[in-house]
Each structure stands twice: as structure tokens, then as C-alpha cells.
PDB file of N, CA and C in Angstrom:
ATOM      1  N   MET A   1       0.838  -1.186   0.005  1.00  0.00           N
ATOM      2  CA  MET A   1       0.003  -0.005   0.007  1.00  0.00           C
ATOM      3  C   MET A   1       0.880   1.226   0.009  1.00  0.00           C
ATOM      4  N   LEU A   2       0.574   2.171  -0.855  1.00  0.00           N
ATOM      5  CA  LEU A   2       1.276   3.428  -0.892  1.00  0.00           C
ATOM      6  C   LEU A   2       0.807   4.322   0.224  1.00  0.00           C
ATOM      7  N   LEU A   3       1.340   5.520   0.279  1.00  0.00           N
ATOM      8  CA  LEU A   3       0.935   6.476   1.296  1.00  0.00           C
ATOM      9  C   LEU A   3      -0.344   7.185   0.864  1.00  0.00           C
ATOM     10  N   ASN A   4      -1.329   7.141   1.743  1.00  0.00           N
ATOM     11  CA  ASN A   4      -2.591   7.873   1.510  1.00  0.00           C
ATOM     12  C   ASN A   4      -2.647   8.991   2.539  1.00  0.00           C
ATOM     13  N   VAL A   5      -3.099  10.167   2.075  1.00  0.00           N
ATOM     14  CA  VAL A   5      -3.107  11.343   2.915  1.00  0.00           C
ATOM     15  C   VAL A   5      -4.479  11.998   2.834  1.00  0.00           C
ATOM     16  N   ALA A   6      -5.008  12.370   4.001  1.00  0.00           N
ATOM     17  CA  ALA A   6      -6.239  13.136   4.099  1.00  0.00           C
ATOM     18  C   ALA A   6      -6.033  14.227   5.135  1.00  0.00           C
ATOM     19  N   THR A   7      -6.655  15.354   4.935  1.00  0.00           N
ATOM     20  CA  THR A   7      -6.549  16.436   5.920  1.00  0.00           C
ATOM     21  C   THR A   7      -7.934  16.852   6.402  1.00  0.00           C
ATOM     22  N   SER A   8      -7.948  17.353   7.626  1.00  0.00           N
ATOM     23  CA  SER A   8      -9.187  17.884   8.183  1.00  0.00           C
ATOM     24  C   SER A   8      -8.851  18.927   9.206  1.00  0.00           C
ATOM     25  N   ALA A   9      -9.797  19.823   9.440  1.00  0.00           N
ATOM     26  CA  ALA A   9      -9.620  20.865  10.459  1.00  0.00           C
ATOM     27  C   ALA A   9     -10.283  20.405  11.727  1.00  0.00           C
ATOM     28  N   ARG A  10      -9.608  20.600  12.858  1.00  0.00           N
ATOM     29  CA  ARG A  10     -10.141  20.284  14.186  1.00  0.00           C
ATOM     30  C   ARG A  10     -10.018  21.553  15.010  1.00  0.00           C
ATOM     31  N   GLU A  11     -11.039  21.862  15.731  1.00  0.00           N
ATOM     32  CA  GLU A  11     -11.041  23.082  16.505  1.00  0.00           C
ATOM     33  C   GLU A  11     -10.508  24.186  15.608  1.00  0.00           C
ATOM     34  N   PRO A  12     -10.765  25.378  15.928  1.00  0.00           N
ATOM     35  CA  PRO A  12     -10.190  26.459  15.119  1.00  0.00           C
ATOM     36  C   PRO A  12      -8.665  26.410  15.215  1.00  0.00           C
ATOM     37  N   GLY A  13      -8.036  26.307  14.048  1.00  0.00           N
ATOM     38  CA  GLY A  13      -6.592  26.456  14.007  1.00  0.00           C
ATOM     39  C   GLY A  13      -5.782  25.199  14.075  1.00  0.00           C
ATOM     40  N   ILE A  14      -6.381  23.999  14.123  1.00  0.00           N
ATOM     41  CA  ILE A  14      -5.611  22.761  14.140  1.00  0.00           C
ATOM     42  C   ILE A  14      -5.870  22.010  12.849  1.00  0.00           C
ATOM     43  N   LEU A  15      -4.790  21.720  12.127  1.00  0.00           N
ATOM     44  CA  LEU A  15      -4.868  20.935  10.912  1.00  0.00           C
ATOM     45  C   LEU A  15      -4.426  19.514  11.266  1.00  0.00           C
ATOM     46  N   VAL A  16      -5.268  18.536  10.955  1.00  0.00           N
ATOM     47  CA  VAL A  16      -4.936  17.136  11.177  1.00  0.00           C
ATOM     48  C   VAL A  16      -4.588  16.516   9.825  1.00  0.00           C
ATOM     49  N   ILE A  17      -3.405  15.919   9.743  1.00  0.00           N
ATOM     50  CA  ILE A  17      -2.989  15.201   8.552  1.00  0.00           C
ATOM     51  C   ILE A  17      -3.049  13.724   8.868  1.00  0.00           C
ATOM     52  N   GLU A  18      -4.028  13.042   8.289  1.00  0.00           N
ATOM     53  CA  GLU A  18      -4.256  11.624   8.566  1.00  0.00           C
ATOM     54  C   GLU A  18      -3.551  10.798   7.485  1.00  0.00           C
ATOM     55  N   LEU A  19      -2.663   9.912   7.939  1.00  0.00           N
ATOM     56  CA  LEU A  19      -1.858   9.116   6.990  1.00  0.00           C
ATOM     57  C   LEU A  19      -2.181   7.644   7.139  1.00  0.00           C
ATOM     58  N   SER A  20      -2.098   6.921   6.028  1.00  0.00           N
ATOM     59  CA  SER A  20      -2.218   5.468   6.091  1.00  0.00           C
ATOM     60  C   SER A  20      -1.278   4.896   5.025  1.00  0.00           C
ATOM     61  N   GLY A  21      -0.798   3.712   5.323  1.00  0.00           N
ATOM     62  CA  GLY A  21       0.137   3.048   4.374  1.00  0.00           C
ATOM     63  C   GLY A  21       1.562   3.093   4.893  1.00  0.00           C
ATOM     64  N   ARG A  22       2.467   3.577   4.036  1.00  0.00           N
ATOM     65  CA  ARG A  22       3.890   3.585   4.364  1.00  0.00           C
ATOM     66  C   ARG A  22       4.495   4.944   4.129  1.00  0.00           C
ATOM     67  N   ILE A  23       5.357   5.368   5.040  1.00  0.00           N
ATOM     68  CA  ILE A  23       6.143   6.595   4.839  1.00  0.00           C
ATOM     69  C   ILE A  23       7.582   6.107   4.581  1.00  0.00           C
ATOM     70  N   VAL A  24       7.877   5.936   3.285  1.00  0.00           N
ATOM     71  CA  VAL A  24       9.192   5.411   2.872  1.00  0.00           C
ATOM     72  C   VAL A  24       9.717   6.229   1.718  1.00  0.00           C
ATOM     73  N   LEU A  25      10.959   6.001   1.388  1.00  0.00           N
ATOM     74  CA  LEU A  25      11.598   6.699   0.278  1.00  0.00           C
ATOM     75  C   LEU A  25      10.736   6.553  -0.959  1.00  0.00           C
ATOM     76  N   GLY A  26      10.432   7.656  -1.607  1.00  0.00           N
ATOM     77  CA  GLY A  26       9.643   7.633  -2.818  1.00  0.00           C
ATOM     78  C   GLY A  26       8.825   8.887  -3.022  1.00  0.00           C
ATOM     79  N   ARG A  27       8.205   8.946  -4.170  1.00  0.00           N
ATOM     80  CA  ARG A  27       7.438  10.127  -4.583  1.00  0.00           C
ATOM     81  C   ARG A  27       6.261  10.410  -3.647  1.00  0.00           C
ATOM     82  N   GLU A  28       5.569   9.360  -3.175  1.00  0.00           N
ATOM     83  CA  GLU A  28       4.418   9.554  -2.320  1.00  0.00           C
ATOM     84  C   GLU A  28       4.778  10.311  -1.045  1.00  0.00           C
ATOM     85  N   SER A  29       5.896   9.931  -0.444  1.00  0.00           N
ATOM     86  CA  SER A  29       6.299  10.563   0.805  1.00  0.00           C
ATOM     87  C   SER A  29       6.725  11.999   0.596  1.00  0.00           C
ATOM     88  N   SER A  30       7.313  12.310  -0.550  1.00  0.00           N
ATOM     89  CA  SER A  30       7.713  13.699  -0.806  1.00  0.00           C
ATOM     90  C   SER A  30       6.471  14.585  -0.921  1.00  0.00           C
ATOM     91  N   HIS A  31       5.333  14.019  -1.331  1.00  0.00           N
ATOM     92  CA  HIS A  31       4.078  14.795  -1.364  1.00  0.00           C
ATOM     93  C   HIS A  31       3.652  15.241   0.015  1.00  0.00           C
ATOM     94  N   LEU A  32       3.975  14.439   1.024  1.00  0.00           N
ATOM     95  CA  LEU A  32       3.672  14.808   2.413  1.00  0.00           C
ATOM     96  C   LEU A  32       4.406  16.077   2.800  1.00  0.00           C
ATOM     97  N   GLU A  33       5.668  16.116   2.465  1.00  0.00           N
ATOM     98  CA  GLU A  33       6.470  17.329   2.743  1.00  0.00           C
ATOM     99  C   GLU A  33       5.878  18.528   2.029  1.00  0.00           C
ATOM    100  N   ASP A  34       5.501  18.366   0.765  1.00  0.00           N
ATOM    101  CA  ASP A  34       4.907  19.453  -0.012  1.00  0.00           C
ATOM    102  C   ASP A  34       3.585  19.922   0.621  1.00  0.00           C
ATOM    103  N   LEU A  35       2.781  18.967   1.088  1.00  0.00           N
ATOM    104  CA  LEU A  35       1.511  19.280   1.727  1.00  0.00           C
ATOM    105  C   LEU A  35       1.720  20.154   2.983  1.00  0.00           C
ATOM    106  N   VAL A  36       2.670  19.750   3.800  1.00  0.00           N
ATOM    107  CA  VAL A  36       2.964  20.521   5.004  1.00  0.00           C
ATOM    108  C   VAL A  36       3.506  21.902   4.655  1.00  0.00           C
ATOM    109  N   GLU A  37       4.381  21.996   3.696  1.00  0.00           N
ATOM    110  CA  GLU A  37       4.896  23.303   3.255  1.00  0.00           C
ATOM    111  C   GLU A  37       3.786  24.205   2.779  1.00  0.00           C
ATOM    112  N   LYS A  38       2.844  23.654   1.992  1.00  0.00           N
ATOM    113  CA  LYS A  38       1.716  24.448   1.523  1.00  0.00           C
ATOM    114  C   LYS A  38       0.834  24.887   2.657  1.00  0.00           C
ATOM    115  N   ALA A  39       0.564  23.963   3.618  1.00  0.00           N
ATOM    116  CA  ALA A  39      -0.267  24.316   4.775  1.00  0.00           C
ATOM    117  C   ALA A  39       0.379  25.451   5.585  1.00  0.00           C
ATOM    118  N   ILE A  40       1.671  25.381   5.755  1.00  0.00           N
ATOM    119  CA  ILE A  40       2.391  26.425   6.482  1.00  0.00           C
ATOM    120  C   ILE A  40       2.301  27.749   5.708  1.00  0.00           C
ATOM    121  N   ALA A  41       2.492  27.684   4.396  1.00  0.00           N
ATOM    122  CA  ALA A  41       2.393  28.893   3.582  1.00  0.00           C
ATOM    123  C   ALA A  41       0.990  29.488   3.632  1.00  0.00           C
ATOM    124  N   ASP A  42      -0.018  28.626   3.829  1.00  0.00           N
ATOM    125  CA  ASP A  42      -1.407  29.100   3.910  1.00  0.00           C
ATOM    126  C   ASP A  42      -1.787  29.524   5.353  1.00  0.00           C
ATOM    127  N   GLY A  43      -0.812  29.454   6.256  1.00  0.00           N
ATOM    128  CA  GLY A  43      -1.052  29.975   7.610  1.00  0.00           C
ATOM    129  C   GLY A  43      -1.212  28.963   8.698  1.00  0.00           C
ATOM    130  N   ALA A  44      -1.129  27.657   8.411  1.00  0.00           N
ATOM    131  CA  ALA A  44      -1.269  26.646   9.448  1.00  0.00           C
ATOM    132  C   ALA A  44      -0.127  26.769  10.472  1.00  0.00           C
ATOM    133  N   ARG A  45      -0.482  26.771  11.737  1.00  0.00           N
ATOM    134  CA  ARG A  45       0.531  26.884  12.804  1.00  0.00           C
ATOM    135  C   ARG A  45       0.356  25.822  13.874  1.00  0.00           C
ATOM    136  N   ASN A  46      -0.680  24.991  13.756  1.00  0.00           N
ATOM    137  CA  ASN A  46      -0.904  23.860  14.639  1.00  0.00           C
ATOM    138  C   ASN A  46      -1.252  22.654  13.815  1.00  0.00           C
ATOM    139  N   ILE A  47      -0.310  21.690  13.755  1.00  0.00           N
ATOM    140  CA  ILE A  47      -0.498  20.503  12.932  1.00  0.00           C
ATOM    141  C   ILE A  47      -0.367  19.246  13.791  1.00  0.00           C
ATOM    142  N   VAL A  48      -1.308  18.332  13.617  1.00  0.00           N
ATOM    143  CA  VAL A  48      -1.251  17.027  14.220  1.00  0.00           C
ATOM    144  C   VAL A  48      -1.085  16.028  13.060  1.00  0.00           C
ATOM    145  N   MET A  49      -0.019  15.244  13.102  1.00  0.00           N
ATOM    146  CA  MET A  49       0.228  14.220  12.086  1.00  0.00           C
ATOM    147  C   MET A  49      -0.240  12.876  12.665  1.00  0.00           C
ATOM    148  N   ASP A  50      -1.349  12.366  12.151  1.00  0.00           N
ATOM    149  CA  ASP A  50      -1.963  11.134  12.630  1.00  0.00           C
ATOM    150  C   ASP A  50      -1.363   9.941  11.921  1.00  0.00           C
ATOM    151  N   LEU A  51      -0.573   9.147  12.669  1.00  0.00           N
ATOM    152  CA  LEU A  51       0.098   7.974  12.110  1.00  0.00           C
ATOM    153  C   LEU A  51      -0.601   6.660  12.437  1.00  0.00           C
ATOM    154  N   ALA A  52      -1.845   6.738  12.884  1.00  0.00           N
ATOM    155  CA  ALA A  52      -2.556   5.498  13.280  1.00  0.00           C
ATOM    156  C   ALA A  52      -2.651   4.503  12.138  1.00  0.00           C
ATOM    157  N   GLY A  53      -2.736   4.955  10.922  1.00  0.00           N
ATOM    158  CA  GLY A  53      -2.848   4.062   9.768  1.00  0.00           C
ATOM    159  C   GLY A  53      -1.527   3.695   9.114  1.00  0.00           C
ATOM    160  N   ILE A  54      -0.427   4.148   9.688  1.00  0.00           N
ATOM    161  CA  ILE A  54       0.901   3.850   9.122  1.00  0.00           C
ATOM    162  C   ILE A  54       1.404   2.525   9.670  1.00  0.00           C
ATOM    163  N   HIS A  55       1.868   1.652   8.790  1.00  0.00           N
ATOM    164  CA  HIS A  55       2.395   0.361   9.229  1.00  0.00           C
ATOM    165  C   HIS A  55       3.874   0.186   8.917  1.00  0.00           C
ATOM    166  N   VAL A  56       4.468   1.088   8.127  1.00  0.00           N
ATOM    167  CA  VAL A  56       5.889   1.038   7.826  1.00  0.00           C
ATOM    168  C   VAL A  56       6.405   2.466   7.723  1.00  0.00           C
ATOM    169  N   VAL A  57       7.584   2.682   8.355  1.00  0.00           N
ATOM    170  CA  VAL A  57       8.289   3.952   8.237  1.00  0.00           C
ATOM    171  C   VAL A  57       9.765   3.646   8.138  1.00  0.00           C
ATOM    172  N   ASP A  58      10.471   4.298   7.198  1.00  0.00           N
ATOM    173  CA  ASP A  58      11.892   4.105   7.084  1.00  0.00           C
ATOM    174  C   ASP A  58      12.624   5.406   7.435  1.00  0.00           C
ATOM    175  N   SER A  59      13.929   5.429   7.221  1.00  0.00           N
ATOM    176  CA  SER A  59      14.728   6.595   7.603  1.00  0.00           C
ATOM    177  C   SER A  59      14.308   7.862   6.862  1.00  0.00           C
ATOM    178  N   SER A  60      13.879   7.737   5.621  1.00  0.00           N
ATOM    179  CA  SER A  60      13.414   8.919   4.898  1.00  0.00           C
ATOM    180  C   SER A  60      12.100   9.408   5.480  1.00  0.00           C
ATOM    181  N   GLY A  61      11.261   8.508   5.948  1.00  0.00           N
ATOM    182  CA  GLY A  61      10.006   8.894   6.627  1.00  0.00           C
ATOM    183  C   GLY A  61      10.294   9.634   7.929  1.00  0.00           C
ATOM    184  N   ILE A  62      11.282   9.129   8.664  1.00  0.00           N
ATOM    185  CA  ILE A  62      11.699   9.803   9.897  1.00  0.00           C
ATOM    186  C   ILE A  62      12.198  11.198   9.557  1.00  0.00           C
ATOM    187  N   GLY A  63      12.959  11.304   8.469  1.00  0.00           N
ATOM    188  CA  GLY A  63      13.458  12.612   8.053  1.00  0.00           C
ATOM    189  C   GLY A  63      12.357  13.576   7.683  1.00  0.00           C
ATOM    190  N   ILE A  64      11.332  13.077   6.985  1.00  0.00           N
ATOM    191  CA  ILE A  64      10.211  13.940   6.592  1.00  0.00           C
ATOM    192  C   ILE A  64       9.462  14.433   7.805  1.00  0.00           C
ATOM    193  N   ILE A  65       9.178  13.544   8.739  1.00  0.00           N
ATOM    194  CA  ILE A  65       8.472  13.941   9.980  1.00  0.00           C
ATOM    195  C   ILE A  65       9.277  14.984  10.732  1.00  0.00           C
ATOM    196  N   THR A  66      10.580  14.751  10.849  1.00  0.00           N
ATOM    197  CA  THR A  66      11.467  15.684  11.554  1.00  0.00           C
ATOM    198  C   THR A  66      11.528  17.031  10.825  1.00  0.00           C
ATOM    199  N   LEU A  67      11.602  17.008   9.504  1.00  0.00           N
ATOM    200  CA  LEU A  67      11.635  18.249   8.736  1.00  0.00           C
ATOM    201  C   LEU A  67      10.347  19.040   8.939  1.00  0.00           C
ATOM    202  N   CYS A  68       9.209  18.372   8.911  1.00  0.00           N
ATOM    203  CA  CYS A  68       7.933  19.060   9.115  1.00  0.00           C
ATOM    204  C   CYS A  68       7.865  19.696  10.486  1.00  0.00           C
ATOM    205  N   PHE A  69       8.282  18.955  11.503  1.00  0.00           N
ATOM    206  CA  PHE A  69       8.337  19.468  12.877  1.00  0.00           C
ATOM    207  C   PHE A  69       9.253  20.695  12.948  1.00  0.00           C
ATOM    208  N   GLY A  70      10.451  20.575  12.399  1.00  0.00           N
ATOM    209  CA  GLY A  70      11.401  21.674  12.455  1.00  0.00           C
ATOM    210  C   GLY A  70      10.925  22.912  11.737  1.00  0.00           C
ATOM    211  N   ARG A  71      10.367  22.704  10.578  1.00  0.00           N
ATOM    212  CA  ARG A  71       9.883  23.840   9.778  1.00  0.00           C
ATOM    213  C   ARG A  71       8.800  24.628  10.522  1.00  0.00           C
ATOM    214  N   LEU A  72       7.873  23.890  11.103  1.00  0.00           N
ATOM    215  CA  LEU A  72       6.790  24.533  11.835  1.00  0.00           C
ATOM    216  C   LEU A  72       7.293  25.159  13.139  1.00  0.00           C
ATOM    217  N   SER A  73       8.186  24.480  13.825  1.00  0.00           N
ATOM    218  CA  SER A  73       8.733  25.016  15.084  1.00  0.00           C
ATOM    219  C   SER A  73       9.516  26.308  14.847  1.00  0.00           C
ATOM    220  N   ASN A  74      10.251  26.372  13.758  1.00  0.00           N
ATOM    221  CA  ASN A  74      11.030  27.572  13.450  1.00  0.00           C
ATOM    222  C   ASN A  74      10.133  28.801  13.221  1.00  0.00           C
ATOM    223  N   LEU A  75       8.877  28.542  12.876  1.00  0.00           N
ATOM    224  CA  LEU A  75       7.924  29.630  12.653  1.00  0.00           C
ATOM    225  C   LEU A  75       7.065  29.885  13.898  1.00  0.00           C
ATOM    226  N   GLY A  76       7.391  29.219  15.000  1.00  0.00           N
ATOM    227  CA  GLY A  76       6.633  29.391  16.219  1.00  0.00           C
ATOM    228  C   GLY A  76       5.376  28.544  16.260  1.00  0.00           C
ATOM    229  N   GLY A  77       5.266  27.607  15.343  1.00  0.00           N
ATOM    230  CA  GLY A  77       4.096  26.740  15.287  1.00  0.00           C
ATOM    231  C   GLY A  77       4.231  25.519  16.201  1.00  0.00           C
ATOM    232  N   ARG A  78       3.188  24.728  16.211  1.00  0.00           N
ATOM    233  CA  ARG A  78       3.147  23.559  17.090  1.00  0.00           C
ATOM    234  C   ARG A  78       2.811  22.318  16.270  1.00  0.00           C
ATOM    235  N   PHE A  79       3.524  21.240  16.545  1.00  0.00           N
ATOM    236  CA  PHE A  79       3.407  20.007  15.783  1.00  0.00           C
ATOM    237  C   PHE A  79       3.360  18.827  16.748  1.00  0.00           C
ATOM    238  N   CYS A  80       2.509  17.874  16.502  1.00  0.00           N
ATOM    239  CA  CYS A  80       2.416  16.681  17.365  1.00  0.00           C
ATOM    240  C   CYS A  80       2.188  15.454  16.505  1.00  0.00           C
ATOM    241  N   VAL A  81       2.850  14.364  16.865  1.00  0.00           N
ATOM    242  CA  VAL A  81       2.617  13.057  16.245  1.00  0.00           C
ATOM    243  C   VAL A  81       1.565  12.338  17.083  1.00  0.00           C
ATOM    244  N   ALA A  82       0.558  11.814  16.408  1.00  0.00           N
ATOM    245  CA  ALA A  82      -0.522  11.117  17.126  1.00  0.00           C
ATOM    246  C   ALA A  82      -0.734   9.738  16.525  1.00  0.00           C
ATOM    247  N   GLY A  83      -1.141   8.794  17.392  1.00  0.00           N
ATOM    248  CA  GLY A  83      -1.634   7.512  16.928  1.00  0.00           C
ATOM    249  C   GLY A  83      -0.586   6.473  16.515  1.00  0.00           C
ATOM    250  N   ALA A  84       0.679   6.775  16.627  1.00  0.00           N
ATOM    251  CA  ALA A  84       1.701   5.787  16.239  1.00  0.00           C
ATOM    252  C   ALA A  84       1.664   4.608  17.214  1.00  0.00           C
ATOM    253  N   THR A  85       1.728   3.391  16.688  1.00  0.00           N
ATOM    254  CA  THR A  85       1.701   2.188  17.514  1.00  0.00           C
ATOM    255  C   THR A  85       2.653   1.159  16.956  1.00  0.00           C
ATOM    256  N   GLY A  86       2.857   0.102  17.734  1.00  0.00           N
ATOM    257  CA  GLY A  86       3.622  -1.056  17.273  1.00  0.00           C
ATOM    258  C   GLY A  86       5.005  -0.729  16.795  1.00  0.00           C
ATOM    259  N   LYS A  87       5.385  -1.357  15.683  1.00  0.00           N
ATOM    260  CA  LYS A  87       6.734  -1.186  15.151  1.00  0.00           C
ATOM    261  C   LYS A  87       7.012   0.266  14.747  1.00  0.00           C
ATOM    262  N   VAL A  88       5.999   0.938  14.242  1.00  0.00           N
ATOM    263  CA  VAL A  88       6.187   2.351  13.837  1.00  0.00           C
ATOM    264  C   VAL A  88       6.563   3.182  15.046  1.00  0.00           C
ATOM    265  N   LEU A  89       5.846   3.034  16.144  1.00  0.00           N
ATOM    266  CA  LEU A  89       6.189   3.768  17.375  1.00  0.00           C
ATOM    267  C   LEU A  89       7.556   3.380  17.880  1.00  0.00           C
ATOM    268  N   ASP A  90       7.887   2.109  17.819  1.00  0.00           N
ATOM    269  CA  ASP A  90       9.217   1.655  18.271  1.00  0.00           C
ATOM    270  C   ASP A  90      10.305   2.299  17.449  1.00  0.00           C
ATOM    271  N   ILE A  91      10.141   2.372  16.134  1.00  0.00           N
ATOM    272  CA  ILE A  91      11.156   2.963  15.270  1.00  0.00           C
ATOM    273  C   ILE A  91      11.284   4.461  15.565  1.00  0.00           C
ATOM    274  N   LEU A  92      10.160   5.166  15.731  1.00  0.00           N
ATOM    275  CA  LEU A  92      10.221   6.586  16.023  1.00  0.00           C
ATOM    276  C   LEU A  92      10.909   6.856  17.358  1.00  0.00           C
ATOM    277  N   LYS A  93      10.639   6.008  18.330  1.00  0.00           N
ATOM    278  CA  LYS A  93      11.299   6.149  19.644  1.00  0.00           C
ATOM    279  C   LYS A  93      12.782   5.792  19.562  1.00  0.00           C
ATOM    280  N   MET A  94      13.121   4.796  18.765  1.00  0.00           N
ATOM    281  CA  MET A  94      14.507   4.434  18.577  1.00  0.00           C
ATOM    282  C   MET A  94      15.302   5.578  17.968  1.00  0.00           C
ATOM    283  N   ALA A  95      14.618   6.320  17.086  1.00  0.00           N
ATOM    284  CA  ALA A  95      15.235   7.497  16.468  1.00  0.00           C
ATOM    285  C   ALA A  95      15.193   8.710  17.410  1.00  0.00           C
ATOM    286  N   ARG A  96      14.591   8.523  18.586  1.00  0.00           N
ATOM    287  CA  ARG A  96      14.488   9.519  19.651  1.00  0.00           C
ATOM    288  C   ARG A  96      13.629  10.744  19.254  1.00  0.00           C
ATOM    289  N   LEU A  97      12.703  10.552  18.333  1.00  0.00           N
ATOM    290  CA  LEU A  97      11.830  11.652  17.966  1.00  0.00           C
ATOM    291  C   LEU A  97      10.955  12.066  19.155  1.00  0.00           C
ATOM    292  N   ASP A  98      10.637  11.111  20.018  1.00  0.00           N
ATOM    293  CA  ASP A  98       9.809  11.443  21.170  1.00  0.00           C
ATOM    294  C   ASP A  98      10.507  12.351  22.160  1.00  0.00           C
ATOM    295  N   SER A  99      11.816  12.541  21.987  1.00  0.00           N
ATOM    296  CA  SER A  99      12.547  13.461  22.883  1.00  0.00           C
ATOM    297  C   SER A  99      12.596  14.873  22.316  1.00  0.00           C
ATOM    298  N   ILE A 100      12.195  15.049  21.051  1.00  0.00           N
ATOM    299  CA  ILE A 100      12.245  16.386  20.452  1.00  0.00           C
ATOM    300  C   ILE A 100      10.875  16.949  20.076  1.00  0.00           C
ATOM    301  N   MET A 101       9.896  16.051  19.952  1.00  0.00           N
ATOM    302  CA  MET A 101       8.549  16.521  19.593  1.00  0.00           C
ATOM    303  C   MET A 101       7.514  15.745  20.409  1.00  0.00           C
ATOM    304  N   PRO A 102       6.364  16.340  20.627  1.00  0.00           N
ATOM    305  CA  PRO A 102       5.344  15.659  21.423  1.00  0.00           C
ATOM    306  C   PRO A 102       4.663  14.524  20.649  1.00  0.00           C
ATOM    307  N   PHE A 103       4.348  13.479  21.384  1.00  0.00           N
ATOM    308  CA  PHE A 103       3.616  12.331  20.886  1.00  0.00           C
ATOM    309  C   PHE A 103       2.321  12.201  21.700  1.00  0.00           C
ATOM    310  N   ALA A 104       1.260  11.777  21.040  1.00  0.00           N
ATOM    311  CA  ALA A 104      -0.011  11.532  21.722  1.00  0.00           C
ATOM    312  C   ALA A 104      -0.577  10.238  21.213  1.00  0.00           C
ATOM    313  N   ALA A 105      -1.361   9.572  22.047  1.00  0.00           N
ATOM    314  CA  ALA A 105      -1.949   8.283  21.686  1.00  0.00           C
ATOM    315  C   ALA A 105      -3.014   8.414  20.602  1.00  0.00           C
ATOM    316  N   SER A 106      -3.658   9.576  20.518  1.00  0.00           N
ATOM    317  CA  SER A 106      -4.728   9.766  19.539  1.00  0.00           C
ATOM    318  C   SER A 106      -4.781  11.232  19.104  1.00  0.00           C
ATOM    319  N   VAL A 107      -5.516  11.480  18.029  1.00  0.00           N
ATOM    320  CA  VAL A 107      -5.712  12.854  17.580  1.00  0.00           C
ATOM    321  C   VAL A 107      -6.443  13.669  18.643  1.00  0.00           C
ATOM    322  N   ASP A 108      -7.472  13.062  19.244  1.00  0.00           N
ATOM    323  CA  ASP A 108      -8.233  13.768  20.282  1.00  0.00           C
ATOM    324  C   ASP A 108      -7.308  14.187  21.437  1.00  0.00           C
ATOM    325  N   GLU A 109      -6.436  13.276  21.847  1.00  0.00           N
ATOM    326  CA  GLU A 109      -5.496  13.592  22.925  1.00  0.00           C
ATOM    327  C   GLU A 109      -4.519  14.711  22.499  1.00  0.00           C
ATOM    328  N   ALA A 110      -4.053  14.652  21.270  1.00  0.00           N
ATOM    329  CA  ALA A 110      -3.129  15.681  20.781  1.00  0.00           C
ATOM    330  C   ALA A 110      -3.823  17.044  20.749  1.00  0.00           C
ATOM    331  N   CYS A 111      -5.057  17.089  20.318  1.00  0.00           N
ATOM    332  CA  CYS A 111      -5.773  18.350  20.236  1.00  0.00           C
ATOM    333  C   CYS A 111      -6.108  18.919  21.635  1.00  0.00           C
ATOM    334  N   ALA A 112      -6.185  18.047  22.627  1.00  0.00           N
ATOM    335  CA  ALA A 112      -6.520  18.454  23.985  1.00  0.00           C
ATOM    336  C   ALA A 112      -5.320  18.883  24.802  1.00  0.00           C
ATOM    337  N   LEU A 113      -4.110  18.600  24.321  1.00  0.00           N
ATOM    338  CA  LEU A 113      -2.889  18.964  25.070  1.00  0.00           C
ATOM    339  C   LEU A 113      -2.774  20.468  25.158  1.00  0.00           C
ATOM    340  N   PRO A 114      -2.175  20.949  26.226  1.00  0.00           N
ATOM    341  CA  PRO A 114      -2.004  22.408  26.397  1.00  0.00           C
ATOM    342  C   PRO A 114      -1.269  23.021  25.223  1.00  0.00           C
ATOM    343  N   GLY A 115      -1.669  24.199  24.868  1.00  0.00           N
ATOM    344  CA  GLY A 115      -1.020  24.935  23.806  1.00  0.00           C
ATOM    345  C   GLY A 115      -1.366  24.407  22.421  1.00  0.00           C
ATOM    346  N   LYS A 116      -2.394  23.624  22.288  1.00  0.00           N
ATOM    347  CA  LYS A 116      -2.813  23.011  21.039  1.00  0.00           C
ATOM    348  C   LYS A 116      -1.683  22.156  20.450  1.00  0.00           C
ATOM    349  N   ALA A 117      -2.017  21.223  19.655  1.00  0.00           N
ATOM    350  CA  ALA A 117      -1.109  20.337  18.946  1.00  0.00           C
ATOM    351  C   ALA A 117       0.062  19.875  19.811  1.00  0.00           C
ATOM    352  N   GLY A 118      -0.099  19.899  21.115  1.00  0.00           N
ATOM    353  CA  GLY A 118       0.851  19.226  21.964  1.00  0.00           C
ATOM    354  C   GLY A 118       2.004  19.986  22.534  1.00  0.00           C
ATOM    355  N   LEU A 119       2.098  21.257  22.318  1.00  0.00           N
ATOM    356  CA  LEU A 119       3.227  22.006  22.870  1.00  0.00           C
ATOM    357  C   LEU A 119       2.733  23.036  23.858  1.00  0.00           C
ATOM    358  N   ASN A 120       3.508  23.278  24.859  1.00  0.00           N
ATOM    359  CA  ASN A 120       3.161  24.339  25.842  1.00  0.00           C
ATOM    360  C   ASN A 120       3.565  25.682  25.323  1.00  0.00           C
TER     361      ASN A 120
END
């Protein structure tokens, strides 16, 4: 399965990017980076990346998630990873992403965290 992407607005000012499939090296994953860049250009400052439907992530996927977090953080925005489980969560933790960006068990939990999208 390739990477499937859907977006939705939650509460005023929170963009949820719902992903399913794989975040791996390839054209599909680069579209995710483009989507986040466009959302930022359009004024998005609170993004929740929902990984509940992701079953594979590789080093390029880790890089894309990190790039999206860094880009938004540099602009004073807030970014949270939600819904990662199993091997995907293990890989993200092994890469220590949980030490630089907030993680939440679900989109609802991410949206409820202080400061929106998981940052104080």
C-alpha cells in the first residue's frame, strides 16, 4: 500500500494530517512534505500528524516527519505526532523523535494537550 493522505480541520486552528500506508523513500512521501509546506504557507501553525494508519516507516520517513516538525517550530508553530503504535512507534522512539517533539496516543489527545497540537 502506498501512502494515503487526508486532511481535516479540528477546533479552530488545528490541521490534522491523517496518514495510512507507508512513509518510505519515494514520490508519495515527498508529497507529504509538499503538503505541510503548503499548509504552512497558507497559515497553518498547529499541525497534528496522525500515524494511526501507518504500518511502515523508514529513515526517509523519519526525516520527513522531523523536517515538518522543524519547519513549523522555526515559525513558532506547534506539531504533534498522534496515533503511532507497534513497530512504527518503536522505530520513532529508537530515532528519539519522542525526545524532540510531542507524541499523543490519539488525535483527540493531541488536540486536547495544552497549547494546542501538543506544545506548551
